[in-house]
């Protein structure tokens, strides 16, 4: 009887492990499909957007108000010039690793690995000076470098990857005139993790809302991810 109970317990635990594994796989697949949908919509949004080339890098500005386009181009140009002035080798690396820079009202600042693109949110870069925007480019360009080396942005590696990106921000900030203050500001960022599943999911769902995807469909996707 004792042996039978052990066997039964083992079988139950095995079924639980298999069920848990299937759940994690299901969630991962939904997230991957959500990410693919987001990226596809993003590329569609580039059609017809004003395009220029700054420091050898294609730059797209996606906005309905074309009167602001010169301002966004100027913001990106100043940030790239800041990098070139204080760390020209870093700018050369950015040119190698990044294929395009996209300025848009949707999403936050991030790296779009499928298209090797740095995405900048124009309401954010509008409020910041050239040094702050340069630091953002340095952070996202580090994501590009890590991605090109074949290191995936997995749950297990997210903290280390983000720490590496912040570390490169610190290295660049030390070259700036008021670097000490910048370094302290940058290091505090890691105290509030932004790479957890919940934050990443909400950011992607918000990006779909910003792009005009119906609210009912966004809610359906969110429910599919969280229930599985």
Protein backbone atom coordinates (compact mmCIF):
# COMPACT_ATOMS: atom_id res chain seq x y z
CA UNK A 1 0.00 0.00 0.00
CA UNK A 2 2.80 2.38 0.85
CA UNK A 3 4.47 1.75 -2.50
CA UNK A 4 1.18 2.39 -4.31
CA UNK A 5 0.71 5.70 -2.53
CA UNK A 6 4.23 6.75 -3.48
CA UNK A 7 3.58 5.83 -7.11
CA UNK A 8 0.28 7.73 -7.10
CA UNK A 9 1.94 10.77 -5.56
CA UNK A 10 4.69 10.63 -8.16
CA UNK A 11 2.17 10.41 -11.00
CA UNK A 12 0.21 13.36 -9.62
CA UNK A 13 3.36 15.45 -9.27
CA UNK A 14 4.42 14.50 -12.80
CA UNK A 15 1.06 15.62 -14.17
CA UNK A 16 1.38 18.92 -12.27
CA UNK A 17 4.86 19.50 -13.69
CA UNK A 18 3.66 18.70 -17.21
CA UNK A 19 0.66 21.00 -16.78
CA UNK A 20 2.84 23.80 -15.43
CA UNK A 21 5.27 23.36 -18.32
CA UNK A 22 2.43 23.48 -20.86
CA UNK A 23 1.10 26.64 -19.21
CA UNK A 24 4.48 28.37 -19.42
CA UNK A 25 4.93 27.29 -23.04
CA UNK A 26 1.42 28.53 -23.86
CA UNK A 27 2.07 31.92 -22.30
CA UNK A 28 5.36 32.24 -24.11
CA UNK A 29 3.72 31.47 -27.45
CA UNK A 30 0.99 34.06 -26.85
CA UNK A 31 3.61 36.66 -25.91
CA UNK A 32 5.62 35.84 -29.03
CA UNK A 33 2.52 36.25 -31.22
CA UNK A 34 1.65 39.49 -29.47
CA UNK A 35 5.17 40.76 -30.06
CA UNK A 36 5.00 39.75 -33.73
CA UNK A 37 1.65 41.53 -34.14
CA UNK A 38 3.04 44.64 -32.48
CA UNK A 39 6.14 44.62 -34.70
CA UNK A 40 4.11 44.11 -37.87
CA UNK A 41 1.81 47.02 -37.04
CA UNK A 42 4.86 49.09 -36.25
CA UNK A 43 6.41 48.49 -39.67
CA UNK A 44 3.12 49.27 -41.41
CA UNK A 45 3.10 52.57 -39.55
CA UNK A 46 6.41 53.49 -41.20
CA UNK A 47 4.84 53.59 -44.65
CA UNK A 48 4.53 57.21 -45.65
CA UNK A 49 6.46 58.55 -42.66
CA UNK A 50 9.01 61.30 -43.33
CA UNK A 51 12.49 59.83 -43.58
CA UNK A 52 15.96 61.29 -43.37
CA UNK A 53 19.54 60.21 -42.73
CA UNK A 54 21.47 61.55 -39.76
CA UNK A 55 25.09 60.57 -39.08
CA UNK A 56 24.63 57.81 -41.63
CA UNK A 57 21.60 56.30 -39.87
CA UNK A 58 18.09 56.27 -41.44
CA UNK A 59 15.65 58.15 -39.21
CA UNK A 60 11.86 57.91 -39.50
CA UNK A 61 9.41 60.34 -37.89
CA UNK A 62 5.87 59.02 -37.49
CA UNK A 63 3.46 61.82 -36.67
CA UNK A 64 0.20 63.20 -38.06
CA UNK A 65 1.40 66.79 -37.52
CA UNK A 66 4.11 67.29 -40.14
CA UNK A 67 4.93 70.75 -38.79
CA UNK A 68 6.84 69.09 -35.94
CA UNK A 69 8.94 66.83 -38.17
CA UNK A 70 11.94 69.21 -38.39
CA UNK A 71 11.97 69.47 -34.59
CA UNK A 72 12.12 65.69 -34.09
CA UNK A 73 14.87 65.35 -36.69
CA UNK A 74 16.79 68.11 -34.89
CA UNK A 75 16.39 66.33 -31.54
CA UNK A 76 17.84 63.11 -32.93
CA UNK A 77 20.64 64.99 -34.69
CA UNK A 78 21.71 66.76 -31.48
CA UNK A 79 21.72 63.49 -29.55
CA UNK A 80 23.87 61.77 -32.18
CA UNK A 81 26.22 64.75 -32.31
CA UNK A 82 26.57 64.53 -28.54
CA UNK A 83 27.69 60.91 -28.87
CA UNK A 84 30.05 61.78 -31.71
CA UNK A 85 31.59 64.64 -29.73
CA UNK A 86 32.21 62.71 -26.53
CA UNK A 87 32.65 59.12 -27.75
CA UNK A 88 33.07 58.80 -31.55
CA UNK A 89 33.90 55.08 -31.34
CA UNK A 90 30.54 54.48 -29.70
CA UNK A 91 28.77 56.23 -32.57
CA UNK A 92 30.63 54.00 -35.03
CA UNK A 93 29.37 50.96 -33.12
CA UNK A 94 25.84 52.33 -33.16
CA UNK A 95 26.02 52.64 -36.94
CA UNK A 96 27.07 48.98 -37.20
CA UNK A 97 24.45 47.58 -34.83
CA UNK A 98 21.39 49.74 -35.56
CA UNK A 99 19.69 49.91 -38.94
CA UNK A 100 17.21 52.68 -38.21
CA UNK A 101 15.91 55.11 -35.60
CA UNK A 102 12.15 55.62 -35.38
CA UNK A 103 10.49 58.56 -33.63
CA UNK A 104 6.83 57.98 -32.78
CA UNK A 105 4.11 59.02 -30.37
CA UNK A 106 3.34 55.43 -29.40
CA UNK A 107 5.34 53.14 -27.13
CA UNK A 108 8.18 54.07 -24.82
CA UNK A 109 11.84 54.18 -25.76
CA UNK A 110 12.98 50.67 -26.66
CA UNK A 111 14.88 48.48 -29.10
CA UNK A 112 12.89 46.62 -31.76
CA UNK A 113 15.11 43.60 -32.36
CA UNK A 114 13.21 42.14 -35.33
CA UNK A 115 13.98 45.29 -37.31
CA UNK A 116 17.19 46.35 -35.52
CA UNK A 117 15.55 49.68 -34.78
CA UNK A 118 15.79 52.09 -31.86
CA UNK A 119 12.36 53.50 -31.10
CA UNK A 120 12.12 56.91 -29.43
CA UNK A 121 8.89 58.32 -28.07
CA UNK A 122 8.73 61.92 -29.22
CA UNK A 123 6.81 63.34 -26.21
CA UNK A 124 9.71 62.02 -24.07
CA UNK A 125 12.62 63.23 -26.19
CA UNK A 126 10.90 66.62 -26.57
CA UNK A 127 11.23 67.23 -22.80
CA UNK A 128 14.85 66.09 -22.61
CA UNK A 129 18.11 67.75 -23.55
CA UNK A 130 20.65 66.38 -26.02
CA UNK A 131 22.69 64.59 -23.34
CA UNK A 132 19.65 62.77 -21.94
CA UNK A 133 18.55 61.68 -25.41
CA UNK A 134 22.10 60.58 -26.18
CA UNK A 135 22.08 58.40 -23.07
CA UNK A 136 18.84 56.80 -24.27
CA UNK A 137 20.47 56.02 -27.62
CA UNK A 138 23.46 54.52 -25.81
CA UNK A 139 21.17 52.29 -23.73
CA UNK A 140 19.16 51.04 -26.69
CA UNK A 141 22.26 50.62 -28.86
CA UNK A 142 23.64 48.31 -26.18
CA UNK A 143 20.52 46.19 -26.60
CA UNK A 144 21.31 46.10 -30.32
CA UNK A 145 24.90 44.99 -29.69
CA UNK A 146 23.80 42.23 -27.29
CA UNK A 147 21.08 41.09 -29.71
CA UNK A 148 23.57 40.88 -32.58
CA UNK A 149 25.72 38.57 -30.47
CA UNK A 150 22.81 36.14 -30.32
CA UNK A 151 21.95 36.64 -26.66
CA UNK A 152 18.15 36.41 -26.27
CA UNK A 153 16.13 38.76 -24.09
CA UNK A 154 14.74 36.00 -21.88
CA UNK A 155 13.23 36.23 -18.42
CA UNK A 156 16.36 34.72 -16.92
CA UNK A 157 18.69 37.19 -18.64
CA UNK A 158 16.64 40.40 -18.58
CA UNK A 159 18.14 41.79 -15.38
CA UNK A 160 21.71 41.16 -16.56
CA UNK A 161 20.99 42.65 -19.98
CA UNK A 162 19.37 45.78 -18.55
CA UNK A 163 22.23 46.12 -16.05
CA UNK A 164 24.69 45.94 -18.95
CA UNK A 165 22.76 48.64 -20.83
CA UNK A 166 22.69 50.88 -17.76
CA UNK A 167 26.40 50.21 -17.29
CA UNK A 168 27.10 51.54 -20.78
CA UNK A 169 25.03 54.62 -19.99
CA UNK A 170 27.22 55.18 -16.93
CA UNK A 171 30.38 54.75 -19.01
CA UNK A 172 29.19 57.35 -21.50
CA UNK A 173 27.87 59.71 -18.81
CA UNK A 174 31.34 59.88 -17.26
CA UNK A 175 32.55 61.53 -20.46
CA UNK A 176 30.00 64.34 -20.18
CA UNK A 177 30.76 67.71 -18.52
CA UNK A 178 28.30 67.10 -15.66
CA UNK A 179 28.85 63.36 -15.63
CA UNK A 180 28.82 62.79 -11.86
CA UNK A 181 25.22 63.98 -11.54
CA UNK A 182 24.16 61.93 -14.55
CA UNK A 183 25.77 58.79 -13.16
CA UNK A 184 23.82 59.05 -9.92
CA UNK A 185 20.54 59.54 -11.80
CA UNK A 186 21.22 56.57 -14.05
CA UNK A 187 22.08 54.16 -11.25
CA UNK A 188 18.84 54.93 -9.44
CA UNK A 189 16.90 53.66 -12.44
CA UNK A 190 17.76 50.04 -11.65
CA UNK A 191 15.96 50.36 -8.33
CA UNK A 192 12.61 50.21 -10.18
CA UNK A 193 12.69 47.18 -12.53
CA UNK A 194 10.81 47.77 -15.77
CA UNK A 195 11.60 44.39 -17.40
CA UNK A 196 9.19 42.13 -15.49
CA UNK A 197 6.51 40.22 -17.39
CA UNK A 198 3.68 42.43 -16.15
CA UNK A 199 5.35 45.68 -17.21
CA UNK A 200 6.38 44.32 -20.60
CA UNK A 201 2.90 42.96 -21.30
CA UNK A 202 1.20 46.22 -20.36
CA UNK A 203 3.60 48.20 -22.54
CA UNK A 204 2.85 46.02 -25.56
CA UNK A 205 -0.88 46.19 -24.96
CA UNK A 206 -0.70 49.97 -24.64
CA UNK A 207 1.27 50.12 -27.87
CA UNK A 208 -1.58 48.29 -29.63
CA UNK A 209 -4.10 50.76 -28.17
CA UNK A 210 -1.96 53.68 -29.33
CA UNK A 211 -1.97 52.25 -32.84
CA UNK A 212 -5.74 52.13 -33.01
CA UNK A 213 -6.29 48.43 -32.34
CA UNK A 214 -9.87 48.00 -30.96
CA UNK A 215 -10.03 47.91 -27.16
CA UNK A 216 -11.99 44.64 -27.15
CA UNK A 217 -9.23 42.94 -29.12
CA UNK A 218 -6.53 44.29 -26.81
CA UNK A 219 -8.46 43.02 -23.78
CA UNK A 220 -8.84 39.62 -25.46
CA UNK A 221 -5.09 39.38 -26.00
CA UNK A 222 -4.37 40.46 -22.42
CA UNK A 223 -6.78 37.86 -21.05
CA UNK A 224 -5.25 35.12 -23.22
CA UNK A 225 -1.78 35.87 -21.87
CA UNK A 226 -2.71 36.10 -18.20
CA UNK A 227 -5.05 33.08 -18.07
CA UNK A 228 -2.79 30.52 -19.70
